Amino acid sequence: QVQLVESGGGLVQAGGSLRLSCAASISIFSFDSMGWYRQAPGKQRELVALISKSGSANYADSVKGRFTISRDYAENTVYLQLNSLKPEDTAVYYCNAGRNWLGDVWGQGTQVTVSS
């Protein structure tokens, strides 16, 4: 019943920027946290950024200072702003909605490709 739809991925040159969007089918107040994960070819999925219901945000060390997670409650959407992109940021980025009692919800993913 709950769906997350990511968008905003694409091809960008190193040093460029993208903004990823994650639109939820219900109010994002319903979730204990929302986050972005990524999975590069041949690698495990890793947490990139997480934002709690209180607004507290955490980032992977590799993206601190470059990526920013934010929310728009009116639009039921979570964003990930990716700045100063590097080739090693290339991955499929997945939105995640955390629910302590009902389990997590995942989006389908959006491809981010950063060229040298």
PDB file of N, CA and C in Angstrom:
ATOM      1  N   GLN A   1       0.824  -1.212   0.000  1.00  0.00           N
ATOM      2  CA  GLN A   1       0.000   0.000   0.000  1.00  0.00           C
ATOM      3  C   GLN A   1       0.857   1.260   0.000  1.00  0.00           C
ATOM      4  N   VAL A   2       2.027   1.193   0.617  1.00  0.00           N
ATOM      5  CA  VAL A   2       2.927   2.331   0.688  1.00  0.00           C
ATOM      6  C   VAL A   2       3.956   2.218  -0.431  1.00  0.00           C
ATOM      7  N   GLN A   3       4.138   3.294  -1.170  1.00  0.00           N
ATOM      8  CA  GLN A   3       5.095   3.317  -2.267  1.00  0.00           C
ATOM      9  C   GLN A   3       6.014   4.526  -2.169  1.00  0.00           C
ATOM     10  N   LEU A   4       7.261   4.322  -2.558  1.00  0.00           N
ATOM     11  CA  LEU A   4       8.235   5.389  -2.677  1.00  0.00           C
ATOM     12  C   LEU A   4       8.716   5.415  -4.119  1.00  0.00           C
ATOM     13  N   VAL A   5       8.744   6.591  -4.711  1.00  0.00           N
ATOM     14  CA  VAL A   5       9.156   6.734  -6.093  1.00  0.00           C
ATOM     15  C   VAL A   5      10.295   7.736  -6.172  1.00  0.00           C
ATOM     16  N   GLU A   6      11.467   7.253  -6.594  1.00  0.00           N
ATOM     17  CA  GLU A   6      12.630   8.118  -6.736  1.00  0.00           C
ATOM     18  C   GLU A   6      12.690   8.706  -8.139  1.00  0.00           C
ATOM     19  N   SER A   7      13.283   9.884  -8.229  1.00  0.00           N
ATOM     20  CA  SER A   7      13.516  10.517  -9.511  1.00  0.00           C
ATOM     21  C   SER A   7      14.688  11.478  -9.372  1.00  0.00           C
ATOM     22  N   GLY A   8      15.179  11.967 -10.490  1.00  0.00           N
ATOM     23  CA  GLY A   8      16.229  12.972 -10.479  1.00  0.00           C
ATOM     24  C   GLY A   8      17.612  12.470 -10.826  1.00  0.00           C
ATOM     25  N   GLY A   9      17.766  11.175 -10.970  1.00  0.00           N
ATOM     26  CA  GLY A   9      19.064  10.639 -11.336  1.00  0.00           C
ATOM     27  C   GLY A   9      19.406  10.964 -12.779  1.00  0.00           C
ATOM     28  N   GLY A  10      20.657  10.728 -13.126  1.00  0.00           N
ATOM     29  CA  GLY A  10      21.093  10.999 -14.479  1.00  0.00           C
ATOM     30  C   GLY A  10      22.589  10.951 -14.609  1.00  0.00           C
ATOM     31  N   LEU A  11      23.068  11.423 -15.735  1.00  0.00           N
ATOM     32  CA  LEU A  11      24.492  11.472 -16.035  1.00  0.00           C
ATOM     33  C   LEU A  11      25.002  12.886 -15.824  1.00  0.00           C
ATOM     34  N   VAL A  12      26.077  13.013 -15.063  1.00  0.00           N
ATOM     35  CA  VAL A  12      26.643  14.320 -14.777  1.00  0.00           C
ATOM     36  C   VAL A  12      28.164  14.206 -14.749  1.00  0.00           C
ATOM     37  N   GLN A  13      28.841  15.277 -15.111  1.00  0.00           N
ATOM     38  CA  GLN A  13      30.294  15.297 -15.054  1.00  0.00           C
ATOM     39  C   GLN A  13      30.782  15.499 -13.626  1.00  0.00           C
ATOM     40  N   ALA A  14      31.986  15.040 -13.355  1.00  0.00           N
ATOM     41  CA  ALA A  14      32.585  15.233 -12.045  1.00  0.00           C
ATOM     42  C   ALA A  14      32.566  16.714 -11.667  1.00  0.00           C
ATOM     43  N   GLY A  15      32.193  16.975 -10.420  1.00  0.00           N
ATOM     44  CA  GLY A  15      32.071  18.342  -9.948  1.00  0.00           C
ATOM     45  C   GLY A  15      30.675  18.912 -10.086  1.00  0.00           C
ATOM     46  N   GLY A  16      29.815  18.221 -10.797  1.00  0.00           N
ATOM     47  CA  GLY A  16      28.461  18.680 -11.007  1.00  0.00           C
ATOM     48  C   GLY A  16      27.534  18.326  -9.863  1.00  0.00           C
ATOM     49  N   SER A  17      26.249  18.643 -10.051  1.00  0.00           N
ATOM     50  CA  SER A  17      25.254  18.440  -9.006  1.00  0.00           C
ATOM     51  C   SER A  17      23.998  17.788  -9.551  1.00  0.00           C
ATOM     52  N   LEU A  18      23.298  17.107  -8.673  1.00  0.00           N
ATOM     53  CA  LEU A  18      21.990  16.543  -8.960  1.00  0.00           C
ATOM     54  C   LEU A  18      21.138  16.667  -7.711  1.00  0.00           C
ATOM     55  N   ARG A  19      19.827  16.663  -7.882  1.00  0.00           N
ATOM     56  CA  ARG A  19      18.926  16.577  -6.751  1.00  0.00           C
ATOM     57  C   ARG A  19      17.977  15.414  -6.963  1.00  0.00           C
ATOM     58  N   LEU A  20      18.040  14.462  -6.052  1.00  0.00           N
ATOM     59  CA  LEU A  20      17.171  13.307  -6.096  1.00  0.00           C
ATOM     60  C   LEU A  20      15.919  13.556  -5.267  1.00  0.00           C
ATOM     61  N   SER A  21      14.796  13.056  -5.746  1.00  0.00           N
ATOM     62  CA  SER A  21      13.533  13.194  -5.043  1.00  0.00           C
ATOM     63  C   SER A  21      12.967  11.823  -4.718  1.00  0.00           C
ATOM     64  N   CYS A  22      12.321  11.723  -3.583  1.00  0.00           N
ATOM     65  CA  CYS A  22      11.642  10.505  -3.172  1.00  0.00           C
ATOM     66  C   CYS A  22      10.235  10.887  -2.741  1.00  0.00           C
ATOM     67  N   ALA A  23       9.266  10.563  -3.566  1.00  0.00           N
ATOM     68  CA  ALA A  23       7.879  10.903  -3.290  1.00  0.00           C
ATOM     69  C   ALA A  23       7.166   9.715  -2.662  1.00  0.00           C
ATOM     70  N   ALA A  24       6.557   9.935  -1.508  1.00  0.00           N
ATOM     71  CA  ALA A  24       5.837   8.889  -0.799  1.00  0.00           C
ATOM     72  C   ALA A  24       4.347   8.977  -1.081  1.00  0.00           C
ATOM     73  N   SER A  25       3.687   7.831  -1.064  1.00  0.00           N
ATOM     74  CA  SER A  25       2.258   7.782  -1.323  1.00  0.00           C
ATOM     75  C   SER A  25       1.425   8.152  -0.101  1.00  0.00           C
ATOM     76  N   ILE A  26       2.047   8.265   1.061  1.00  0.00           N
ATOM     77  CA  ILE A  26       1.394   8.689   2.280  1.00  0.00           C
ATOM     78  C   ILE A  26       2.241   9.758   2.936  1.00  0.00           C
ATOM     79  N   SER A  27       1.718  10.364   3.987  1.00  0.00           N
ATOM     80  CA  SER A  27       2.460  11.384   4.708  1.00  0.00           C
ATOM     81  C   SER A  27       3.772  10.829   5.238  1.00  0.00           C
ATOM     82  N   ILE A  28       4.839  11.583   5.047  1.00  0.00           N
ATOM     83  CA  ILE A  28       6.132  11.120   5.554  1.00  0.00           C
ATOM     84  C   ILE A  28       6.213  11.238   7.073  1.00  0.00           C
ATOM     85  N   PHE A  29       5.221  11.862   7.696  1.00  0.00           N
ATOM     86  CA  PHE A  29       5.118  11.834   9.156  1.00  0.00           C
ATOM     87  C   PHE A  29       4.876  10.416   9.656  1.00  0.00           C
ATOM     88  N   SER A  30       4.417   9.535   8.772  1.00  0.00           N
ATOM     89  CA  SER A  30       4.134   8.157   9.140  1.00  0.00           C
ATOM     90  C   SER A  30       5.397   7.345   9.420  1.00  0.00           C
ATOM     91  N   PHE A  31       6.543   7.856   8.995  1.00  0.00           N
ATOM     92  CA  PHE A  31       7.786   7.105   9.091  1.00  0.00           C
ATOM     93  C   PHE A  31       8.663   7.612  10.224  1.00  0.00           C
ATOM     94  N   ASP A  32       9.354   6.689  10.880  1.00  0.00           N
ATOM     95  CA  ASP A  32      10.266   7.050  11.958  1.00  0.00           C
ATOM     96  C   ASP A  32      11.509   7.742  11.419  1.00  0.00           C
ATOM     97  N   SER A  33      11.902   7.376  10.225  1.00  0.00           N
ATOM     98  CA  SER A  33      13.044   8.004   9.580  1.00  0.00           C
ATOM     99  C   SER A  33      12.934   7.798   8.083  1.00  0.00           C
ATOM    100  N   MET A  34      13.656   8.609   7.342  1.00  0.00           N
ATOM    101  CA  MET A  34      13.765   8.410   5.905  1.00  0.00           C
ATOM    102  C   MET A  34      15.219   8.572   5.519  1.00  0.00           C
ATOM    103  N   GLY A  35      15.630   7.797   4.546  1.00  0.00           N
ATOM    104  CA  GLY A  35      17.025   7.843   4.169  1.00  0.00           C
ATOM    105  C   GLY A  35      17.270   7.502   2.717  1.00  0.00           C
ATOM    106  N   TRP A  36      18.500   7.705   2.334  1.00  0.00           N
ATOM    107  CA  TRP A  36      18.979   7.350   1.014  1.00  0.00           C
ATOM    108  C   TRP A  36      20.120   6.355   1.142  1.00  0.00           C
ATOM    109  N   TYR A  37      20.054   5.312   0.351  1.00  0.00           N
ATOM    110  CA  TYR A  37      21.104   4.318   0.240  1.00  0.00           C
ATOM    111  C   TYR A  37      21.592   4.294  -1.200  1.00  0.00           C
ATOM    112  N   ARG A  38      22.750   3.703  -1.401  1.00  0.00           N
ATOM    113  CA  ARG A  38      23.234   3.542  -2.767  1.00  0.00           C
ATOM    114  C   ARG A  38      23.953   2.211  -2.910  1.00  0.00           C
ATOM    115  N   GLN A  39      23.952   1.706  -4.126  1.00  0.00           N
ATOM    116  CA  GLN A  39      24.624   0.458  -4.423  1.00  0.00           C
ATOM    117  C   GLN A  39      25.344   0.588  -5.756  1.00  0.00           C
ATOM    118  N   ALA A  40      26.654   0.499  -5.700  1.00  0.00           N
ATOM    119  CA  ALA A  40      27.481   0.533  -6.894  1.00  0.00           C
ATOM    120  C   ALA A  40      27.664  -0.884  -7.425  1.00  0.00           C
ATOM    121  N   PRO A  41      27.984  -1.026  -8.703  1.00  0.00           N
ATOM    122  CA  PRO A  41      28.185  -2.363  -9.266  1.00  0.00           C
ATOM    123  C   PRO A  41      29.231  -3.158  -8.498  1.00  0.00           C
ATOM    124  N   GLY A  42      28.880  -4.379  -8.120  1.00  0.00           N
ATOM    125  CA  GLY A  42      29.796  -5.249  -7.408  1.00  0.00           C
ATOM    126  C   GLY A  42      29.970  -4.930  -5.938  1.00  0.00           C
ATOM    127  N   LYS A  43      29.225  -3.972  -5.418  1.00  0.00           N
ATOM    128  CA  LYS A  43      29.349  -3.591  -4.022  1.00  0.00           C
ATOM    129  C   LYS A  43      28.021  -3.743  -3.294  1.00  0.00           C
ATOM    130  N   GLN A  44      28.107  -3.787  -1.970  1.00  0.00           N
ATOM    131  CA  GLN A  44      26.916  -3.877  -1.150  1.00  0.00           C
ATOM    132  C   GLN A  44      26.234  -2.523  -1.027  1.00  0.00           C
ATOM    133  N   ARG A  45      24.945  -2.565  -0.760  1.00  0.00           N
ATOM    134  CA  ARG A  45      24.199  -1.336  -0.549  1.00  0.00           C
ATOM    135  C   ARG A  45      24.662  -0.664   0.741  1.00  0.00           C
ATOM    136  N   GLU A  46      24.856   0.647   0.689  1.00  0.00           N
ATOM    137  CA  GLU A  46      25.332   1.383   1.839  1.00  0.00           C
ATOM    138  C   GLU A  46      24.445   2.581   2.132  1.00  0.00           C
ATOM    139  N   LEU A  47      24.392   2.940   3.398  1.00  0.00           N
ATOM    140  CA  LEU A  47      23.640   4.115   3.821  1.00  0.00           C
ATOM    141  C   LEU A  47      24.401   5.370   3.432  1.00  0.00           C
ATOM    142  N   VAL A  48      23.707   6.300   2.806  1.00  0.00           N
ATOM    143  CA  VAL A  48      24.290   7.570   2.398  1.00  0.00           C
ATOM    144  C   VAL A  48      23.875   8.685   3.349  1.00  0.00           C
ATOM    145  N   ALA A  49      22.587   8.800   3.605  1.00  0.00           N
ATOM    146  CA  ALA A  49      22.062   9.863   4.458  1.00  0.00           C
ATOM    147  C   ALA A  49      20.775   9.401   5.110  1.00  0.00           C
ATOM    148  N   LEU A  50      20.545   9.871   6.325  1.00  0.00           N
ATOM    149  CA  LEU A  50      19.352   9.498   7.078  1.00  0.00           C
ATOM    150  C   LEU A  50      18.831  10.718   7.814  1.00  0.00           C
ATOM    151  N   ILE A  51      17.524  10.898   7.813  1.00  0.00           N
ATOM    152  CA  ILE A  51      16.920  11.990   8.561  1.00  0.00           C
ATOM    153  C   ILE A  51      15.807  11.426   9.435  1.00  0.00           C
ATOM    154  N   SER A  52      15.823  11.794  10.705  1.00  0.00           N
ATOM    155  CA  SER A  52      14.831  11.316  11.649  1.00  0.00           C
ATOM    156  C   SER A  52      13.605  12.208  11.628  1.00  0.00           C
ATOM    157  N   LYS A  53      12.572  11.788  12.337  1.00  0.00           N
ATOM    158  CA  LYS A  53      11.348  12.569  12.414  1.00  0.00           C
ATOM    159  C   LYS A  53      11.602  13.935  13.056  1.00  0.00           C
ATOM    160  N   SER A  54      12.590  14.009  13.932  1.00  0.00           N
ATOM    161  CA  SER A  54      12.939  15.261  14.591  1.00  0.00           C
ATOM    162  C   SER A  54      13.725  16.205  13.695  1.00  0.00           C
ATOM    163  N   GLY A  55      14.204  15.702  12.579  1.00  0.00           N
ATOM    164  CA  GLY A  55      14.986  16.507  11.662  1.00  0.00           C
ATOM    165  C   GLY A  55      16.483  16.305  11.765  1.00  0.00           C
ATOM    166  N   SER A  56      16.911  15.461  12.683  1.00  0.00           N
ATOM    167  CA  SER A  56      18.330  15.175  12.825  1.00  0.00           C
ATOM    168  C   SER A  56      18.819  14.358  11.634  1.00  0.00           C
ATOM    169  N   ALA A  57      19.919  14.787  11.045  1.00  0.00           N
ATOM    170  CA  ALA A  57      20.448  14.139   9.850  1.00  0.00           C
ATOM    171  C   ALA A  57      21.821  13.541  10.099  1.00  0.00           C
ATOM    172  N   ASN A  58      22.070  12.410   9.480  1.00  0.00           N
ATOM    173  CA  ASN A  58      23.361  11.750   9.539  1.00  0.00           C
ATOM    174  C   ASN A  58      23.800  11.386   8.136  1.00  0.00           C
ATOM    175  N   TYR A  59      25.115  11.433   7.911  1.00  0.00           N
ATOM    176  CA  TYR A  59      25.663  11.177   6.587  1.00  0.00           C
ATOM    177  C   TYR A  59      26.837  10.220   6.663  1.00  0.00           C
ATOM    178  N   ALA A  60      27.012   9.466   5.599  1.00  0.00           N
ATOM    179  CA  ALA A  60      28.214   8.668   5.467  1.00  0.00           C
ATOM    180  C   ALA A  60      29.417   9.601   5.362  1.00  0.00           C
ATOM    181  N   ASP A  61      30.545   9.169   5.904  1.00  0.00           N
ATOM    182  CA  ASP A  61      31.743  10.004   5.881  1.00  0.00           C
ATOM    183  C   ASP A  61      32.130  10.412   4.459  1.00  0.00           C
ATOM    184  N   SER A  62      31.890   9.543   3.512  1.00  0.00           N
ATOM    185  CA  SER A  62      32.294   9.789   2.142  1.00  0.00           C
ATOM    186  C   SER A  62      31.511  10.915   1.466  1.00  0.00           C
ATOM    187  N   VAL A  63      30.367  11.295   2.039  1.00  0.00           N
ATOM    188  CA  VAL A  63      29.534  12.320   1.407  1.00  0.00           C
ATOM    189  C   VAL A  63      29.342  13.553   2.268  1.00  0.00           C
ATOM    190  N   LYS A  64      29.861  13.551   3.478  1.00  0.00           N
ATOM    191  CA  LYS A  64      29.705  14.699   4.368  1.00  0.00           C
ATOM    192  C   LYS A  64      30.269  15.961   3.723  1.00  0.00           C
ATOM    193  N   GLY A  65      29.494  17.028   3.808  1.00  0.00           N
ATOM    194  CA  GLY A  65      29.897  18.285   3.218  1.00  0.00           C
ATOM    195  C   GLY A  65      29.532  18.427   1.763  1.00  0.00           C
ATOM    196  N   ARG A  66      29.105  17.337   1.135  1.00  0.00           N
ATOM    197  CA  ARG A  66      28.741  17.373  -0.279  1.00  0.00           C
ATOM    198  C   ARG A  66      27.268  17.083  -0.523  1.00  0.00           C
ATOM    199  N   PHE A  67      26.686  16.198   0.280  1.00  0.00           N
ATOM    200  CA  PHE A  67      25.285  15.815   0.117  1.00  0.00           C
ATOM    201  C   PHE A  67      24.454  16.382   1.253  1.00  0.00           C
ATOM    202  N   THR A  68      23.192  16.702   0.963  1.00  0.00           N
ATOM    203  CA  THR A  68      22.272  17.205   1.963  1.00  0.00           C
ATOM    204  C   THR A  68      20.916  16.542   1.801  1.00  0.00           C
ATOM    205  N   ILE A  69      20.391  15.991   2.892  1.00  0.00           N
ATOM    206  CA  ILE A  69      19.064  15.400   2.885  1.00  0.00           C
ATOM    207  C   ILE A  69      18.079  16.401   3.476  1.00  0.00           C
ATOM    208  N   SER A  70      16.901  16.492   2.898  1.00  0.00           N
ATOM    209  CA  SER A  70      15.885  17.427   3.371  1.00  0.00           C
ATOM    210  C   SER A  70      14.494  16.862   3.123  1.00  0.00           C
ATOM    211  N   ARG A  71      13.496  17.501   3.726  1.00  0.00           N
ATOM    212  CA  ARG A  71      12.118  17.029   3.625  1.00  0.00           C
ATOM    213  C   ARG A  71      11.176  18.150   3.224  1.00  0.00           C
ATOM    214  N   ASP A  72      10.091  17.779   2.564  1.00  0.00           N
ATOM    215  CA  ASP A  72       8.997  18.687   2.269  1.00  0.00           C
ATOM    216  C   ASP A  72       7.722  17.955   2.665  1.00  0.00           C
ATOM    217  N   TYR A  73       7.213  18.256   3.851  1.00  0.00           N
ATOM    218  CA  TYR A  73       6.050  17.536   4.351  1.00  0.00           C
ATOM    219  C   TYR A  73       4.813  17.774   3.498  1.00  0.00           C
ATOM    220  N   ALA A  74       4.665  18.977   2.976  1.00  0.00           N
ATOM    221  CA  ALA A  74       3.499  19.291   2.166  1.00  0.00           C
ATOM    222  C   ALA A  74       3.443  18.439   0.904  1.00  0.00           C
ATOM    223  N   GLU A  75       4.610  18.091   0.374  1.00  0.00           N
ATOM    224  CA  GLU A  75       4.672  17.296  -0.848  1.00  0.00           C
ATOM    225  C   GLU A  75       4.967  15.827  -0.579  1.00  0.00           C
ATOM    226  N   ASN A  76       5.078  15.444   0.688  1.00  0.00           N
ATOM    227  CA  ASN A  76       5.392  14.059   1.061  1.00  0.00           C
ATOM    228  C   ASN A  76       6.652  13.570   0.354  1.00  0.00           C
ATOM    229  N   THR A  77       7.651  14.420   0.341  1.00  0.00           N
ATOM    230  CA  THR A  77       8.841  14.149  -0.445  1.00  0.00           C
ATOM    231  C   THR A  77      10.109  14.389   0.366  1.00  0.00           C
ATOM    232  N   VAL A  78      11.074  13.508   0.174  1.00  0.00           N
ATOM    233  CA  VAL A  78      12.405  13.654   0.735  1.00  0.00           C
ATOM    234  C   VAL A  78      13.383  13.858  -0.412  1.00  0.00           C
ATOM    235  N   TYR A  79      14.323  14.759  -0.218  1.00  0.00           N
ATOM    236  CA  TYR A  79      15.285  15.082  -1.255  1.00  0.00           C
ATOM    237  C   TYR A  79      16.698  14.735  -0.813  1.00  0.00           C
ATOM    238  N   LEU A  80      17.540  14.500  -1.783  1.00  0.00           N
ATOM    239  CA  LEU A  80      18.969  14.378  -1.546  1.00  0.00           C
ATOM    240  C   LEU A  80      19.680  15.255  -2.563  1.00  0.00           C
ATOM    241  N   GLN A  81      20.296  16.316  -2.071  1.00  0.00           N
ATOM    242  CA  GLN A  81      21.077  17.197  -2.921  1.00  0.00           C
ATOM    243  C   GLN A  81      22.506  16.671  -2.983  1.00  0.00           C
ATOM    244  N   LEU A  82      22.976  16.392  -4.176  1.00  0.00           N
ATOM    245  CA  LEU A  82      24.309  15.859  -4.383  1.00  0.00           C
ATOM    246  C   LEU A  82      25.153  16.912  -5.086  1.00  0.00           C
ATOM    247  N   ASN A  83      26.137  17.438  -4.382  1.00  0.00           N
ATOM    248  CA  ASN A  83      27.038  18.439  -4.937  1.00  0.00           C
ATOM    249  C   ASN A  83      28.450  17.890  -5.026  1.00  0.00           C
ATOM    250  N   SER A  84      29.256  18.548  -5.826  1.00  0.00           N
ATOM    251  CA  SER A  84      30.665  18.163  -5.992  1.00  0.00           C
ATOM    252  C   SER A  84      30.803  16.677  -6.256  1.00  0.00           C
ATOM    253  N   LEU A  85      30.034  16.191  -7.190  1.00  0.00           N
ATOM    254  CA  LEU A  85      29.981  14.762  -7.455  1.00  0.00           C
ATOM    255  C   LEU A  85      31.308  14.221  -7.973  1.00  0.00           C
ATOM    256  N   LYS A  86      31.591  13.009  -7.559  1.00  0.00           N
ATOM    257  CA  LYS A  86      32.802  12.304  -7.942  1.00  0.00           C
ATOM    258  C   LYS A  86      32.430  11.014  -8.664  1.00  0.00           C
ATOM    259  N   PRO A  87      33.316  10.492  -9.511  1.00  0.00           N
ATOM    260  CA  PRO A  87      33.012   9.225 -10.180  1.00  0.00           C
ATOM    261  C   PRO A  87      32.654   8.105  -9.219  1.00  0.00           C
ATOM    262  N   GLU A  88      33.244   8.089  -8.038  1.00  0.00           N
ATOM    263  CA  GLU A  88      32.944   7.052  -7.067  1.00  0.00           C
ATOM    264  C   GLU A  88      31.553   7.172  -6.459  1.00  0.00           C
ATOM    265  N   ASP A  89      30.842   8.255  -6.756  1.00  0.00           N
ATOM    266  CA  ASP A  89      29.447   8.394  -6.340  1.00  0.00           C
ATOM    267  C   ASP A  89      28.499   7.649  -7.272  1.00  0.00           C
ATOM    268  N   THR A  90      29.009   7.151  -8.373  1.00  0.00           N
ATOM    269  CA  THR A  90      28.182   6.427  -9.332  1.00  0.00           C
ATOM    270  C   THR A  90      27.562   5.200  -8.676  1.00  0.00           C
ATOM    271  N   ALA A  91      26.244   5.113  -8.731  1.00  0.00           N
ATOM    272  CA  ALA A  91      25.516   4.021  -8.089  1.00  0.00           C
ATOM    273  C   ALA A  91      24.033   4.175  -8.381  1.00  0.00           C
ATOM    274  N   VAL A  92      23.282   3.151  -8.030  1.00  0.00           N
ATOM    275  CA  VAL A  92      21.837   3.272  -7.973  1.00  0.00           C
ATOM    276  C   VAL A  92      21.485   3.758  -6.577  1.00  0.00           C
ATOM    277  N   TYR A  93      20.733   4.825  -6.508  1.00  0.00           N
ATOM    278  CA  TYR A  93      20.353   5.417  -5.233  1.00  0.00           C
ATOM    279  C   TYR A  93      18.923   5.025  -4.896  1.00  0.00           C
ATOM    280  N   TYR A  94      18.735   4.513  -3.680  1.00  0.00           N
ATOM    281  CA  TYR A  94      17.441   4.026  -3.227  1.00  0.00           C
ATOM    282  C   TYR A  94      16.928   4.839  -2.048  1.00  0.00           C
ATOM    283  N   CYS A  95      15.669   5.171  -2.090  1.00  0.00           N
ATOM    284  CA  CYS A  95      15.002   5.816  -0.975  1.00  0.00           C
ATOM    285  C   CYS A  95      14.489   4.751  -0.018  1.00  0.00           C
ATOM    286  N   ASN A  96      14.568   5.041   1.261  1.00  0.00           N
ATOM    287  CA  ASN A  96      14.100   4.122   2.287  1.00  0.00           C
ATOM    288  C   ASN A  96      13.276   4.867   3.323  1.00  0.00           C
ATOM    289  N   ALA A  97      12.150   4.292   3.689  1.00  0.00           N
ATOM    290  CA  ALA A  97      11.300   4.827   4.749  1.00  0.00           C
ATOM    291  C   ALA A  97      11.283   3.839   5.891  1.00  0.00           C
ATOM    292  N   GLY A  98      11.768   4.265   7.049  1.00  0.00           N
ATOM    293  CA  GLY A  98      11.876   3.386   8.190  1.00  0.00           C
ATOM    294  C   GLY A  98      10.643   3.423   9.069  1.00  0.00           C
ATOM    295  N   ARG A  99      10.142   2.253   9.385  1.00  0.00           N
ATOM    296  CA  ARG A  99       8.991   2.100  10.271  1.00  0.00           C
ATOM    297  C   ARG A  99       9.325   1.027  11.295  1.00  0.00           C
ATOM    298  N   ASN A 100       9.367   1.413  12.552  1.00  0.00           N
ATOM    299  CA  ASN A 100       9.784   0.490  13.601  1.00  0.00           C
ATOM    300  C   ASN A 100       8.877  -0.728  13.726  1.00  0.00           C
ATOM    301  N   TRP A 101       7.581  -0.524  13.609  1.00  0.00           N
ATOM    302  CA  TRP A 101       6.621  -1.603  13.819  1.00  0.00           C
ATOM    303  C   TRP A 101       6.181  -2.301  12.544  1.00  0.00           C
ATOM    304  N   LEU A 102       6.171  -1.593  11.439  1.00  0.00           N
ATOM    305  CA  LEU A 102       5.619  -2.140  10.206  1.00  0.00           C
ATOM    306  C   LEU A 102       6.672  -2.526   9.176  1.00  0.00           C
ATOM    307  N   GLY A 103       7.924  -2.259   9.453  1.00  0.00           N
ATOM    308  CA  GLY A 103       8.986  -2.603   8.524  1.00  0.00           C
ATOM    309  C   GLY A 103       9.279  -1.492   7.535  1.00  0.00           C
ATOM    310  N   ASP A 104      10.451  -1.572   6.938  1.00  0.00           N
ATOM    311  CA  ASP A 104      10.898  -0.545   6.010  1.00  0.00           C
ATOM    312  C   ASP A 104      10.237  -0.667   4.643  1.00  0.00           C
ATOM    313  N   VAL A 105      10.182   0.469   3.957  1.00  0.00           N
ATOM    314  CA  VAL A 105       9.691   0.528   2.586  1.00  0.00           C
ATOM    315  C   VAL A 105      10.821   1.050   1.711  1.00  0.00           C
ATOM    316  N   TRP A 106      10.989   0.444   0.539  1.00  0.00           N
ATOM    317  CA  TRP A 106      12.053   0.819  -0.385  1.00  0.00           C
ATOM    318  C   TRP A 106      11.486   1.305  -1.709  1.00  0.00           C
ATOM    319  N   GLY A 107      12.161   2.272  -2.299  1.00  0.00           N
ATOM    320  CA  GLY A 107      11.842   2.699  -3.641  1.00  0.00           C
ATOM    321  C   GLY A 107      12.519   1.811  -4.665  1.00  0.00           C
ATOM    322  N   GLN A 108      12.269   2.086  -5.932  1.00  0.00           N
ATOM    323  CA  GLN A 108      12.798   1.245  -7.007  1.00  0.00           C
ATOM    324  C   GLN A 108      14.225   1.607  -7.404  1.00  0.00           C
ATOM    325  N   GLY A 109      14.691   2.755  -6.987  1.00  0.00           N
ATOM    326  CA  GLY A 109      16.039   3.194  -7.283  1.00  0.00           C
ATOM    327  C   GLY A 109      16.117   4.126  -8.474  1.00  0.00           C
ATOM    328  N   THR A 110      17.115   4.996  -8.450  1.00  0.00           N
ATOM    329  CA  THR A 110      17.384   5.893  -9.569  1.00  0.00           C
ATOM    330  C   THR A 110      18.889   5.922  -9.807  1.00  0.00           C
ATOM    331  N   GLN A 111      19.288   5.831 -11.062  1.00  0.00           N
ATOM    332  CA  GLN A 111      20.698   5.719 -11.419  1.00  0.00           C
ATOM    333  C   GLN A 111      21.370   7.079 -11.429  1.00  0.00           C
ATOM    334  N   VAL A 112      22.506   7.168 -10.753  1.00  0.00           N
ATOM    335  CA  VAL A 112      23.368   8.340 -10.802  1.00  0.00           C
ATOM    336  C   VAL A 112      24.701   7.899 -11.395  1.00  0.00           C
ATOM    337  N   THR A 113      25.097   8.532 -12.478  1.00  0.00           N
ATOM    338  CA  THR A 113      26.358   8.216 -13.122  1.00  0.00           C
ATOM    339  C   THR A 113      27.190   9.482 -13.229  1.00  0.00           C
ATOM    340  N   VAL A 114      28.403   9.430 -12.702  1.00  0.00           N
ATOM    341  CA  VAL A 114      29.300  10.577 -12.702  1.00  0.00           C
ATOM    342  C   VAL A 114      30.502  10.249 -13.570  1.00  0.00           C
ATOM    343  N   SER A 115      30.709  11.015 -14.609  1.00  0.00           N
ATOM    344  CA  SER A 115      31.815  10.796 -15.521  1.00  0.00           C
ATOM    345  C   SER A 115      33.023  11.634 -15.119  1.00  0.00           C
ATOM    346  N   SER A 116      34.206  11.168 -15.515  1.00  0.00           N
ATOM    347  CA  SER A 116      35.445  11.864 -15.192  1.00  0.00           C
ATOM    348  C   SER A 116      35.626  13.094 -16.060  1.00  0.00           C
TER     349      SER A 116
END
